[in-house]
C-alpha atoms as a PDB file:
ATOM      1  CA  MET A   1     105.177  86.651  85.537  1.00  0.00           C
ATOM      2  CA  VAL A   2     106.842  84.522  88.524  1.00  0.00           C
ATOM      3  CA  LEU A   3     110.048  85.833  89.980  1.00  0.00           C
ATOM      4  CA  ASN A   4     112.218  82.923  91.427  1.00  0.00           C
ATOM      5  CA  THR A   5     115.306  84.764  92.712  1.00  0.00           C
ATOM      6  CA  LEU A   6     115.417  87.416  95.445  1.00  0.00           C
ATOM      7  CA  VAL A   7     117.569  89.611  93.211  1.00  0.00           C
ATOM      8  CA  ALA A   8     114.733  89.971  90.826  1.00  0.00           C
ATOM      9  CA  GLN A   9     112.023  90.387  93.442  1.00  0.00           C
ATOM     10  CA  THR A  10     114.298  93.040  95.199  1.00  0.00           C
ATOM     11  CA  ILE A  11     114.466  94.877  91.745  1.00  0.00           C
ATOM     12  CA  VAL A  12     110.891  94.728  90.969  1.00  0.00           C
ATOM     13  CA  SER A  13     110.142  96.019  94.439  1.00  0.00           C
ATOM     14  CA  LEU A  14     112.802  98.939  94.094  1.00  0.00           C
ATOM     15  CA  CYS A  15     110.639  99.757  90.923  1.00  0.00           C
ATOM     16  CA  GLY A  16     107.462 100.089  93.150  1.00  0.00           C
ATOM     17  CA  ALA A  17     109.051 102.073  95.482  1.00  0.00           C
ATOM     18  CA  VAL A  18     110.555 104.266  92.906  1.00  0.00           C
ATOM     19  CA  ALA A  19     106.901 104.575  91.426  1.00  0.00           C
ATOM     20  CA  ALA A  20     105.445 105.496  94.598  1.00  0.00           C
ATOM     21  CA  GLU A  21     108.332 108.149  95.446  1.00  0.00           C
ATOM     22  CA  THR A  22     107.967 109.543  91.901  1.00  0.00           C
ATOM     23  CA  LEU A  23     103.946 110.052  92.508  1.00  0.00           C
ATOM     24  CA  HIS A  24     105.021 111.864  95.921  1.00  0.00           C
ATOM     25  CA  TRP A  25     107.462 114.122  94.047  1.00  0.00           C
ATOM     26  CA  TYR A  26     104.994 114.765  91.774  1.00  0.00           C
ATOM     27  CA  ALA A  27     102.351 115.662  94.305  1.00  0.00           C
ATOM     28  CA  LEU A  28     105.040 118.047  95.727  1.00  0.00           C
ATOM     29  CA  SER A  29     105.365 119.626  92.478  1.00  0.00           C
ATOM     30  CA  ARG A  30     101.632 120.609  92.552  1.00  0.00           C
ATOM     31  CA  LYS A  31     102.469 122.859  95.383  1.00  0.00           C
ATOM     32  CA  PRO A  32     104.824 125.402  93.671  1.00  0.00           C
ATOM     33  CA  GLN A  33     105.774 127.605  96.632  1.00  0.00           C
ATOM     34  CA  ALA A  34     106.895 124.448  98.484  1.00  0.00           C
ATOM     35  CA  PHE A  35     108.723 122.212  95.667  1.00  0.00           C
ATOM     36  CA  PRO A  36     111.656 124.446  95.300  1.00  0.00           C
ATOM     37  CA  LYS A  37     112.287 124.738  98.901  1.00  0.00           C
ATOM     38  CA  TYR A  38     112.326 120.836  99.405  1.00  0.00           C
ATOM     39  CA  ALA A  39     114.249 120.175  96.211  1.00  0.00           C
ATOM     40  CA  ALA A  40     116.974 122.212  97.347  1.00  0.00           C
ATOM     41  CA  ARG A  41     117.644 120.412 100.940  1.00  0.00           C
ATOM     42  CA  PRO A  42     119.599 117.213 101.049  1.00  0.00           C
ATOM     43  CA  VAL A  43     117.566 115.750 103.819  1.00  0.00           C
ATOM     44  CA  TYR A  44     114.663 115.277 101.777  1.00  0.00           C
ATOM     45  CA  TRP A  45     116.628 113.589  99.062  1.00  0.00           C
ATOM     46  CA  ILE A  46     118.175 111.239 101.566  1.00  0.00           C
ATOM     47  CA  THR A  47     114.697 110.638 103.164  1.00  0.00           C
ATOM     48  CA  THR A  48     113.480 109.625  99.504  1.00  0.00           C
ATOM     49  CA  ILE A  49     116.370 107.542  98.861  1.00  0.00           C
ATOM     50  CA  ALA A  50     115.550 105.690 102.294  1.00  0.00           C
ATOM     51  CA  MET A  51     112.093 105.081 101.388  1.00  0.00           C
ATOM     52  CA  ILE A  52     112.913 103.475  98.251  1.00  0.00           C
ATOM     53  CA  LEU A  53     115.519 101.352  99.836  1.00  0.00           C
ATOM     54  CA  PHE A  54     112.870 100.131 102.590  1.00  0.00           C
ATOM     55  CA  GLY A  55     110.455  99.366  99.791  1.00  0.00           C
ATOM     56  CA  GLY A  56     113.263  97.453  97.932  1.00  0.00           C
ATOM     57  CA  ALA A  57     114.011  95.508 101.302  1.00  0.00           C
ATOM     58  CA  MET A  58     110.521  94.175 101.744  1.00  0.00           C
ATOM     59  CA  PRO A  59     110.954  90.819  99.877  1.00  0.00           C
ATOM     60  CA  LEU A  60     113.527  89.940 102.518  1.00  0.00           C
ATOM     61  CA  LEU A  61     111.200  90.247 105.056  1.00  0.00           C
ATOM     62  CA  TYR A  62     107.877  88.815 103.409  1.00  0.00           C
ATOM     63  CA  ILE A  63     108.836  86.435 100.651  1.00  0.00           C
ATOM     64  CA  GLU A  64     110.211  83.049 100.759  1.00  0.00           C
ATOM     65  CA  GLY A  65     110.793  81.351  97.259  1.00  0.00           C
ATOM     66  CA  SER A  66     109.167  82.441  94.438  1.00  0.00           C
ATOM     67  CA  ALA A  67     106.554  85.321  94.024  1.00  0.00           C
ATOM     68  CA  SER A  68     104.374  87.136  91.454  1.00  0.00           C
ATOM     69  CA  ALA A  69     106.063  90.416  89.898  1.00  0.00           C
ATOM     70  CA  LEU A  70     102.850  92.340  90.768  1.00  0.00           C
ATOM     71  CA  LEU A  71     103.264  91.274  94.526  1.00  0.00           C
ATOM     72  CA  CYS A  72     106.773  92.433  94.467  1.00  0.00           C
ATOM     73  CA  PHE A  73     105.887  95.871  92.861  1.00  0.00           C
ATOM     74  CA  HIS A  74     103.020  96.189  95.388  1.00  0.00           C
ATOM     75  CA  LEU A  75     105.318  95.440  98.313  1.00  0.00           C
ATOM     76  CA  GLY A  76     107.771  98.191  97.167  1.00  0.00           C
ATOM     77  CA  ALA A  77     104.960 100.787  96.437  1.00  0.00           C
ATOM     78  CA  ALA A  78     103.179 100.458  99.277  1.00  0.00           C
ATOM     79  CA  THR A  79     106.003 100.513 101.858  1.00  0.00           C
ATOM     80  CA  PRO A  80     107.073 104.217 101.313  1.00  0.00           C
ATOM     81  CA  VAL A  81     103.081 105.300 101.143  1.00  0.00           C
ATOM     82  CA  ILE A  82     102.644 103.297 104.398  1.00  0.00           C
ATOM     83  CA  LEU A  83     105.921 105.101 106.149  1.00  0.00           C
ATOM     84  CA  GLN A  84     104.784 108.241 104.913  1.00  0.00           C
ATOM     85  CA  LYS A  85     101.250 107.979 106.234  1.00  0.00           C
ATOM     86  CA  LEU A  86     102.870 106.869 109.865  1.00  0.00           C
ATOM     87  CA  VAL A  87     105.110 110.022 109.891  1.00  0.00           C
ATOM     88  CA  ALA A  88     102.773 112.612 108.525  1.00  0.00           C
ATOM     89  CA  TYR A  89     100.232 111.669 111.358  1.00  0.00           C
ATOM     90  CA  ALA A  90     102.734 110.979 113.985  1.00  0.00           C
ATOM     91  CA  PRO A  91     102.789 113.062 117.313  1.00  0.00           C
ATOM     92  CA  SER A  92     104.365 116.365 116.956  1.00  0.00           C
ATOM     93  CA  LEU A  93     107.736 115.203 117.649  1.00  0.00           C
ATOM     94  CA  VAL A  94     108.210 114.670 114.008  1.00  0.00           C
ATOM     95  CA  GLY A  95     107.299 117.962 113.319  1.00  0.00           C
ATOM     96  CA  ARG A  96     109.986 119.740 115.289  1.00  0.00           C
ATOM     97  CA  GLN A  97     112.421 118.534 112.462  1.00  0.00           C
ATOM     98  CA  GLY A  98     111.858 121.433 110.396  1.00  0.00           C
ATOM     99  CA  ALA A  99     109.949 124.717 111.068  1.00  0.00           C
ATOM    100  CA  GLY A 100     106.801 126.181 109.464  1.00  0.00           C
ATOM    101  CA  GLU A 101     105.224 125.005 106.203  1.00  0.00           C
ATOM    102  CA  ILE A 102     108.663 123.330 105.131  1.00  0.00           C
ATOM    103  CA  SER A 103     109.030 120.537 107.614  1.00  0.00           C
ATOM    104  CA  LEU A 104     109.689 116.833 107.286  1.00  0.00           C
ATOM    105  CA  ARG A 105     105.974 116.057 108.658  1.00  0.00           C
ATOM    106  CA  ASN A 106     104.650 118.355 105.652  1.00  0.00           C
ATOM    107  CA  PHE A 107     107.122 116.735 103.401  1.00  0.00           C
ATOM    108  CA  PHE A 108     105.169 113.274 104.044  1.00  0.00           C
ATOM    109  CA  ARG A 109     101.836 114.952 103.382  1.00  0.00           C
ATOM    110  CA  TRP A 110     100.522 114.262  99.875  1.00  0.00           C
END
């Protein structure tokens, strides 16, 4: 399917980003001791929403004109994953945002 409008491309990219973040939260739910602590703190939900919005913004940066729905979905899904990997392996400055096992750095590790 070819998407001709930026609105349609953004919506499909947002769907891809939501899929990636759903997978991320599913992976967190497989760590029962950590999931309730992450789910109870607003900073992790704000981070999740920001990742989805970054994924939705990718057609603005990458696409001119029409594009396939698969490309838009891929852009949306890949953006949170790439950002999460960058943060998870960034220098220890990011790790200082939270203490112990429940930290922003560990939130980004799958």
